[in-house]
Amino acid sequence: MRALDRALPTDDGVAVFNRVYLAVTEAVAERVGDDAFEDPRAAGELDVRFARRYFTAVDADATGLRPPACWRPLFQLRRHPRIRPLQFALAGINAHIGHDLALAVVDTCRALECEPPALEGDFDRIGTLLTGLEEGIRETLMPGPDLLDIADPLTHLVGSWSLEMARDGAWAAARMLWGARRLPDVAEEFADRLDASVGLIGRCLLTPLG
């Protein structure tokens, strides 16, 4: 993430999200080191597998391959002059939480040979941390009160998306995918539909506003 931060122009939409994600990752790593989680090993495993899905999407785009549908709006519109930084940040968070987190929970359960409930406590702790960081992100990237008022479309757009609801949806999706793991066709279809629906939300979040 630090390498990407150095390599990308500061106004690139992916760079905006990457800076946000770097801050989240550093905060999680600090909490793991402080024994703030019930199972630091499981929390660390989840964090790594979660990040890996983001890097896979970045690598796919960089090499001319198609990233998951949830990430495509951000990669396709990353240089659009009429999309504001907060929109880029939320679109990336939407893709990563709404889609990648659910799959990362399943990946972690398989790696550690545990059931999703074993991760639930630390999942909620990470979610609480994310919610606090999201508030800071909105305050940092939202234009000042002299530039933004209730009539600004950005006010309505960002108010239509909730990290807490995305996180709850990710947990429900993870449980669904885990329950369907012995029905690979069903699990694959569900994952594909999840990917597409999260991508649609991302496209809406990246509506050019001027």
C-alpha atoms as a PDB file:
ATOM      1  CA  MET A   1       0.000   0.000   0.000  1.00  0.00           C
ATOM      2  CA  ARG A   2       2.864   2.372   0.743  1.00  0.00           C
ATOM      3  CA  ALA A   3       4.417   1.518  -2.622  1.00  0.00           C
ATOM      4  CA  LEU A   4       1.122   2.258  -4.372  1.00  0.00           C
ATOM      5  CA  ASP A   5       0.808   5.513  -2.461  1.00  0.00           C
ATOM      6  CA  ARG A   6       4.232   6.586  -3.735  1.00  0.00           C
ATOM      7  CA  ALA A   7       3.558   5.445  -7.303  1.00  0.00           C
ATOM      8  CA  LEU A   8       0.079   6.865  -7.943  1.00  0.00           C
ATOM      9  CA  PRO A   9      -0.827  10.526  -8.553  1.00  0.00           C
ATOM     10  CA  THR A  10      -2.488  11.973  -5.475  1.00  0.00           C
ATOM     11  CA  ASP A  11      -5.722  12.768  -7.333  1.00  0.00           C
ATOM     12  CA  ASP A  12      -6.067   9.259  -8.790  1.00  0.00           C
ATOM     13  CA  GLY A  13      -9.249   7.644  -7.454  1.00  0.00           C
ATOM     14  CA  VAL A  14      -7.464   4.418  -6.553  1.00  0.00           C
ATOM     15  CA  ALA A  15      -4.807   6.441  -4.721  1.00  0.00           C
ATOM     16  CA  VAL A  16      -7.530   8.154  -2.666  1.00  0.00           C
ATOM     17  CA  PHE A  17      -8.909   4.801  -1.541  1.00  0.00           C
ATOM     18  CA  ASN A  18      -5.427   3.341  -1.037  1.00  0.00           C
ATOM     19  CA  ARG A  19      -4.553   6.093   1.453  1.00  0.00           C
ATOM     20  CA  VAL A  20      -7.733   5.327   3.375  1.00  0.00           C
ATOM     21  CA  TYR A  21      -7.018   1.610   3.386  1.00  0.00           C
ATOM     22  CA  LEU A  22      -3.430   2.144   4.481  1.00  0.00           C
ATOM     23  CA  ALA A  23      -4.681   4.067   7.515  1.00  0.00           C
ATOM     24  CA  VAL A  24      -7.141   1.260   8.322  1.00  0.00           C
ATOM     25  CA  THR A  25      -4.479  -1.435   7.986  1.00  0.00           C
ATOM     26  CA  GLU A  26      -2.050   0.426  10.232  1.00  0.00           C
ATOM     27  CA  ALA A  27      -4.777   0.888  12.851  1.00  0.00           C
ATOM     28  CA  VAL A  28      -5.708  -2.822  12.766  1.00  0.00           C
ATOM     29  CA  ALA A  29      -2.041  -3.853  13.007  1.00  0.00           C
ATOM     30  CA  GLU A  30      -1.626  -1.612  16.040  1.00  0.00           C
ATOM     31  CA  ARG A  31      -4.668  -3.141  17.726  1.00  0.00           C
ATOM     32  CA  VAL A  32      -3.441  -6.686  16.988  1.00  0.00           C
ATOM     33  CA  GLY A  33      -0.115  -5.786  18.599  1.00  0.00           C
ATOM     34  CA  ASP A  34      -1.958  -4.413  21.650  1.00  0.00           C
ATOM     35  CA  ASP A  35      -3.931  -7.663  22.133  1.00  0.00           C
ATOM     36  CA  ALA A  36      -7.207  -5.844  21.528  1.00  0.00           C
ATOM     37  CA  PHE A  37      -8.657  -8.868  19.732  1.00  0.00           C
ATOM     38  CA  GLU A  38      -9.981 -12.132  21.176  1.00  0.00           C
ATOM     39  CA  ASP A  39      -7.797 -14.149  18.813  1.00  0.00           C
ATOM     40  CA  PRO A  40      -4.934 -12.038  17.410  1.00  0.00           C
ATOM     41  CA  ARG A  41      -3.834 -14.865  15.113  1.00  0.00           C
ATOM     42  CA  ALA A  42      -7.282 -15.144  13.519  1.00  0.00           C
ATOM     43  CA  ALA A  43      -7.646 -11.354  13.286  1.00  0.00           C
ATOM     44  CA  GLY A  44      -4.256 -11.114  11.603  1.00  0.00           C
ATOM     45  CA  GLU A  45      -5.141 -13.909   9.187  1.00  0.00           C
ATOM     46  CA  LEU A  46      -8.396 -12.197   8.276  1.00  0.00           C
ATOM     47  CA  ASP A  47      -6.616  -8.880   7.763  1.00  0.00           C
ATOM     48  CA  VAL A  48      -4.047 -10.452   5.422  1.00  0.00           C
ATOM     49  CA  ARG A  49      -6.577 -12.390   3.367  1.00  0.00           C
ATOM     50  CA  PHE A  50      -8.796  -9.315   3.194  1.00  0.00           C
ATOM     51  CA  ALA A  51      -5.939  -7.154   1.856  1.00  0.00           C
ATOM     52  CA  ARG A  52      -4.907  -9.839  -0.614  1.00  0.00           C
ATOM     53  CA  ARG A  53      -8.206  -9.497  -2.458  1.00  0.00           C
ATOM     54  CA  TYR A  54      -7.602  -5.776  -2.942  1.00  0.00           C
ATOM     55  CA  PHE A  55      -4.091  -6.382  -4.275  1.00  0.00           C
ATOM     56  CA  THR A  56      -5.430  -9.056  -6.639  1.00  0.00           C
ATOM     57  CA  ALA A  57      -7.877  -6.503  -8.082  1.00  0.00           C
ATOM     58  CA  VAL A  58      -5.111  -3.886  -8.439  1.00  0.00           C
ATOM     59  CA  ASP A  59      -2.819  -6.388 -10.175  1.00  0.00           C
ATOM     60  CA  ALA A  60      -5.595  -7.509 -12.528  1.00  0.00           C
ATOM     61  CA  ASP A  61      -6.275  -3.942 -13.629  1.00  0.00           C
ATOM     62  CA  ALA A  62      -2.560  -3.171 -14.029  1.00  0.00           C
ATOM     63  CA  THR A  63      -2.014  -6.200 -16.271  1.00  0.00           C
ATOM     64  CA  GLY A  64      -5.054  -5.632 -18.489  1.00  0.00           C
ATOM     65  CA  LEU A  65      -7.221  -8.313 -16.891  1.00  0.00           C
ATOM     66  CA  ARG A  66     -10.765  -7.744 -15.641  1.00  0.00           C
ATOM     67  CA  PRO A  67     -10.925  -7.113 -11.902  1.00  0.00           C
ATOM     68  CA  PRO A  68     -14.014  -8.262  -9.998  1.00  0.00           C
ATOM     69  CA  ALA A  69     -17.178  -6.377 -10.929  1.00  0.00           C
ATOM     70  CA  CYS A  70     -17.266  -4.650  -7.544  1.00  0.00           C
ATOM     71  CA  TRP A  71     -13.934  -2.931  -8.308  1.00  0.00           C
ATOM     72  CA  ARG A  72     -14.494  -2.050 -11.967  1.00  0.00           C
ATOM     73  CA  PRO A  73     -16.298   1.280 -11.427  1.00  0.00           C
ATOM     74  CA  LEU A  74     -13.404   2.627  -9.360  1.00  0.00           C
ATOM     75  CA  PHE A  75     -10.751   1.510 -11.845  1.00  0.00           C
ATOM     76  CA  GLN A  76     -12.722   2.714 -14.851  1.00  0.00           C
ATOM     77  CA  LEU A  77     -13.566   6.142 -13.400  1.00  0.00           C
ATOM     78  CA  ARG A  78     -10.441   6.755 -11.312  1.00  0.00           C
ATOM     79  CA  ARG A  79      -9.424   9.843 -13.330  1.00  0.00           C
ATOM     80  CA  HIS A  80     -12.860  11.349 -13.937  1.00  0.00           C
ATOM     81  CA  PRO A  81     -12.597  15.102 -13.256  1.00  0.00           C
ATOM     82  CA  ARG A  82     -16.177  15.438 -11.982  1.00  0.00           C
ATOM     83  CA  ILE A  83     -15.969  12.772  -9.279  1.00  0.00           C
ATOM     84  CA  ARG A  84     -14.930  14.004  -5.855  1.00  0.00           C
ATOM     85  CA  PRO A  85     -12.349  12.361  -3.563  1.00  0.00           C
ATOM     86  CA  LEU A  86     -14.933  11.265  -0.998  1.00  0.00           C
ATOM     87  CA  GLN A  87     -16.797   9.378  -3.723  1.00  0.00           C
ATOM     88  CA  PHE A  88     -13.627   7.505  -4.695  1.00  0.00           C
ATOM     89  CA  ALA A  89     -12.962   6.612  -1.068  1.00  0.00           C
ATOM     90  CA  LEU A  90     -16.496   5.340  -0.452  1.00  0.00           C
ATOM     91  CA  ALA A  91     -16.579   3.378  -3.727  1.00  0.00           C
ATOM     92  CA  GLY A  92     -13.396   1.561  -2.726  1.00  0.00           C
ATOM     93  CA  ILE A  93     -14.681   0.898   0.789  1.00  0.00           C
ATOM     94  CA  ASN A  94     -17.955  -0.365  -0.694  1.00  0.00           C
ATOM     95  CA  ALA A  95     -16.138  -2.848  -2.953  1.00  0.00           C
ATOM     96  CA  HIS A  96     -13.778  -4.041  -0.259  1.00  0.00           C
ATOM     97  CA  ILE A  97     -16.319  -4.352   2.557  1.00  0.00           C
ATOM     98  CA  GLY A  98     -19.372  -5.358   0.543  1.00  0.00           C
ATOM     99  CA  HIS A  99     -17.655  -8.082  -1.474  1.00  0.00           C
ATOM    100  CA  ASP A 100     -14.080  -8.828  -0.424  1.00  0.00           C
ATOM    101  CA  LEU A 101     -14.721  -9.009   3.317  1.00  0.00           C
ATOM    102  CA  ALA A 102     -17.299 -11.771   2.980  1.00  0.00           C
ATOM    103  CA  LEU A 103     -14.956 -13.882   0.874  1.00  0.00           C
ATOM    104  CA  ALA A 104     -12.029 -13.139   3.188  1.00  0.00           C
ATOM    105  CA  VAL A 105     -14.015 -14.481   6.167  1.00  0.00           C
ATOM    106  CA  VAL A 106     -14.612 -17.718   4.267  1.00  0.00           C
ATOM    107  CA  ASP A 107     -10.941 -17.889   3.229  1.00  0.00           C
ATOM    108  CA  THR A 108      -9.905 -17.437   6.864  1.00  0.00           C
ATOM    109  CA  CYS A 109     -12.294 -20.091   8.152  1.00  0.00           C
ATOM    110  CA  ARG A 110     -10.904 -22.573   5.653  1.00  0.00           C
ATOM    111  CA  ALA A 111      -7.299 -21.702   6.510  1.00  0.00           C
ATOM    112  CA  LEU A 112      -7.854 -21.955  10.272  1.00  0.00           C
ATOM    113  CA  GLU A 113     -10.377 -24.799  10.067  1.00  0.00           C
ATOM    114  CA  CYS A 114     -12.958 -22.921  12.099  1.00  0.00           C
ATOM    115  CA  GLU A 115     -16.572 -21.816  11.731  1.00  0.00           C
ATOM    116  CA  PRO A 116     -17.590 -18.167  11.118  1.00  0.00           C
ATOM    117  CA  PRO A 117     -18.904 -17.704  14.692  1.00  0.00           C
ATOM    118  CA  ALA A 118     -15.333 -18.169  15.925  1.00  0.00           C
ATOM    119  CA  LEU A 119     -14.422 -14.949  14.089  1.00  0.00           C
ATOM    120  CA  GLU A 120     -17.531 -12.946  14.924  1.00  0.00           C
ATOM    121  CA  GLY A 121     -16.181 -11.130  17.983  1.00  0.00           C
ATOM    122  CA  ASP A 122     -13.059  -9.906  16.222  1.00  0.00           C
ATOM    123  CA  PHE A 123     -15.058  -9.199  13.055  1.00  0.00           C
ATOM    124  CA  ASP A 124     -17.202  -6.828  15.135  1.00  0.00           C
ATOM    125  CA  ARG A 125     -14.125  -5.222  16.695  1.00  0.00           C
ATOM    126  CA  ILE A 126     -12.656  -4.543  13.260  1.00  0.00           C
ATOM    127  CA  GLY A 127     -16.051  -3.203  12.172  1.00  0.00           C
ATOM    128  CA  THR A 128     -16.138  -0.765  15.081  1.00  0.00           C
ATOM    129  CA  LEU A 129     -12.673   0.461  14.127  1.00  0.00           C
ATOM    130  CA  LEU A 130     -13.753   0.880  10.508  1.00  0.00           C
ATOM    131  CA  THR A 131     -16.828   2.866  11.512  1.00  0.00           C
ATOM    132  CA  GLY A 132     -14.705   5.290  13.511  1.00  0.00           C
ATOM    133  CA  LEU A 133     -12.274   5.692  10.633  1.00  0.00           C
ATOM    134  CA  GLU A 134     -15.118   6.227   8.172  1.00  0.00           C
ATOM    135  CA  GLU A 135     -16.321   9.186  10.212  1.00  0.00           C
ATOM    136  CA  GLY A 136     -12.843  10.685  10.033  1.00  0.00           C
ATOM    137  CA  ILE A 137     -12.678  10.047   6.300  1.00  0.00           C
ATOM    138  CA  ARG A 138     -15.963  11.840   5.700  1.00  0.00           C
ATOM    139  CA  GLU A 139     -14.803  14.805   7.781  1.00  0.00           C
ATOM    140  CA  THR A 140     -11.434  14.956   5.990  1.00  0.00           C
ATOM    141  CA  LEU A 141     -12.673  14.553   2.413  1.00  0.00           C
ATOM    142  CA  MET A 142     -16.003  16.346   2.652  1.00  0.00           C
ATOM    143  CA  PRO A 143     -15.827  19.952   1.417  1.00  0.00           C
ATOM    144  CA  GLY A 144     -16.058  22.601   4.121  1.00  0.00           C
ATOM    145  CA  PRO A 145     -19.414  24.093   5.155  1.00  0.00           C
ATOM    146  CA  ASP A 146     -18.794  27.104   2.953  1.00  0.00           C
ATOM    147  CA  LEU A 147     -18.671  24.824  -0.095  1.00  0.00           C
ATOM    148  CA  LEU A 148     -21.244  22.227   0.860  1.00  0.00           C
ATOM    149  CA  ASP A 149     -24.822  22.637   1.913  1.00  0.00           C
ATOM    150  CA  ILE A 150     -27.973  20.578   1.976  1.00  0.00           C
ATOM    151  CA  ALA A 151     -28.614  21.296  -1.705  1.00  0.00           C
ATOM    152  CA  ASP A 152     -25.261  19.826  -2.805  1.00  0.00           C
ATOM    153  CA  PRO A 153     -25.821  16.436  -4.513  1.00  0.00           C
ATOM    154  CA  LEU A 154     -22.771  15.054  -2.676  1.00  0.00           C
ATOM    155  CA  THR A 155     -24.618  15.445   0.623  1.00  0.00           C
ATOM    156  CA  HIS A 156     -27.399  13.176  -0.596  1.00  0.00           C
ATOM    157  CA  LEU A 157     -25.121  10.714  -2.367  1.00  0.00           C
ATOM    158  CA  VAL A 158     -22.836   9.986   0.575  1.00  0.00           C
ATOM    159  CA  GLY A 159     -25.796   9.909   2.933  1.00  0.00           C
ATOM    160  CA  SER A 160     -27.323   7.053   0.931  1.00  0.00           C
ATOM    161  CA  TRP A 161     -24.510   4.606   1.788  1.00  0.00           C
ATOM    162  CA  SER A 162     -23.730   3.121   5.192  1.00  0.00           C
ATOM    163  CA  LEU A 163     -20.579   1.264   6.187  1.00  0.00           C
ATOM    164  CA  GLU A 164     -22.425  -0.382   9.068  1.00  0.00           C
ATOM    165  CA  MET A 165     -25.046  -1.817   6.719  1.00  0.00           C
ATOM    166  CA  ALA A 166     -22.349  -2.936   4.267  1.00  0.00           C
ATOM    167  CA  ARG A 167     -20.494  -4.669   7.094  1.00  0.00           C
ATOM    168  CA  ASP A 168     -23.675  -6.411   8.302  1.00  0.00           C
ATOM    169  CA  GLY A 169     -24.355  -7.523   4.740  1.00  0.00           C
ATOM    170  CA  ALA A 170     -20.809  -8.877   4.436  1.00  0.00           C
ATOM    171  CA  TRP A 171     -21.229 -10.975   7.574  1.00  0.00           C
ATOM    172  CA  ALA A 172     -24.553 -12.374   6.330  1.00  0.00           C
ATOM    173  CA  ALA A 173     -22.968 -13.130   2.946  1.00  0.00           C
ATOM    174  CA  ALA A 174     -20.019 -14.871   4.608  1.00  0.00           C
ATOM    175  CA  ARG A 175     -22.361 -17.104   6.583  1.00  0.00           C
ATOM    176  CA  MET A 176     -24.332 -17.881   3.431  1.00  0.00           C
ATOM    177  CA  LEU A 177     -21.170 -18.757   1.482  1.00  0.00           C
ATOM    178  CA  TRP A 178     -19.867 -20.907   4.321  1.00  0.00           C
ATOM    179  CA  GLY A 179     -23.173 -22.744   4.599  1.00  0.00           C
ATOM    180  CA  ALA A 180     -23.169 -23.374   0.842  1.00  0.00           C
ATOM    181  CA  ARG A 181     -19.540 -24.520   0.651  1.00  0.00           C
ATOM    182  CA  ARG A 182     -20.578 -28.116  -0.068  1.00  0.00           C
ATOM    183  CA  LEU A 183     -22.769 -26.865  -2.935  1.00  0.00           C
ATOM    184  CA  PRO A 184     -20.089 -25.256  -5.139  1.00  0.00           C
ATOM    185  CA  ASP A 185     -22.461 -24.255  -7.935  1.00  0.00           C
ATOM    186  CA  VAL A 186     -24.750 -22.445  -5.491  1.00  0.00           C
ATOM    187  CA  ALA A 187     -21.829 -20.790  -3.705  1.00  0.00           C
ATOM    188  CA  GLU A 188     -20.288 -19.642  -6.984  1.00  0.00           C
ATOM    189  CA  GLU A 189     -23.565 -18.200  -8.247  1.00  0.00           C
ATOM    190  CA  PHE A 190     -24.146 -16.380  -4.963  1.00  0.00           C
ATOM    191  CA  ALA A 191     -20.602 -14.937  -5.002  1.00  0.00           C
ATOM    192  CA  ASP A 192     -21.076 -13.759  -8.601  1.00  0.00           C
ATOM    193  CA  ARG A 193     -24.374 -12.071  -7.761  1.00  0.00           C
ATOM    194  CA  LEU A 194     -22.822 -10.451  -4.702  1.00  0.00           C
ATOM    195  CA  ASP A 195     -19.959  -9.134  -6.821  1.00  0.00           C
ATOM    196  CA  ALA A 196     -22.339  -7.680  -9.414  1.00  0.00           C
ATOM    197  CA  SER A 197     -24.668  -6.036  -6.890  1.00  0.00           C
ATOM    198  CA  VAL A 198     -21.805  -4.420  -4.981  1.00  0.00           C
ATOM    199  CA  GLY A 199     -20.434  -3.183  -8.303  1.00  0.00           C
ATOM    200  CA  LEU A 200     -23.780  -1.571  -9.098  1.00  0.00           C
ATOM    201  CA  ILE A 201     -23.702   0.302  -5.788  1.00  0.00           C
ATOM    202  CA  GLY A 202     -20.160   1.428  -6.570  1.00  0.00           C
ATOM    203  CA  ARG A 203     -21.268   2.761  -9.937  1.00  0.00           C
ATOM    204  CA  CYS A 204     -23.963   4.822  -8.222  1.00  0.00           C
ATOM    205  CA  LEU A 205     -21.495   6.188  -5.670  1.00  0.00           C
ATOM    206  CA  LEU A 206     -19.280   7.353  -8.532  1.00  0.00           C
ATOM    207  CA  THR A 207     -21.974   9.398 -10.274  1.00  0.00           C
ATOM    208  CA  PRO A 208     -20.179  12.480 -11.685  1.00  0.00           C
ATOM    209  CA  LEU A 209     -21.333  15.552  -9.800  1.00  0.00           C
ATOM    210  CA  GLY A 210     -19.306  18.376 -11.262  1.00  0.00           C
END
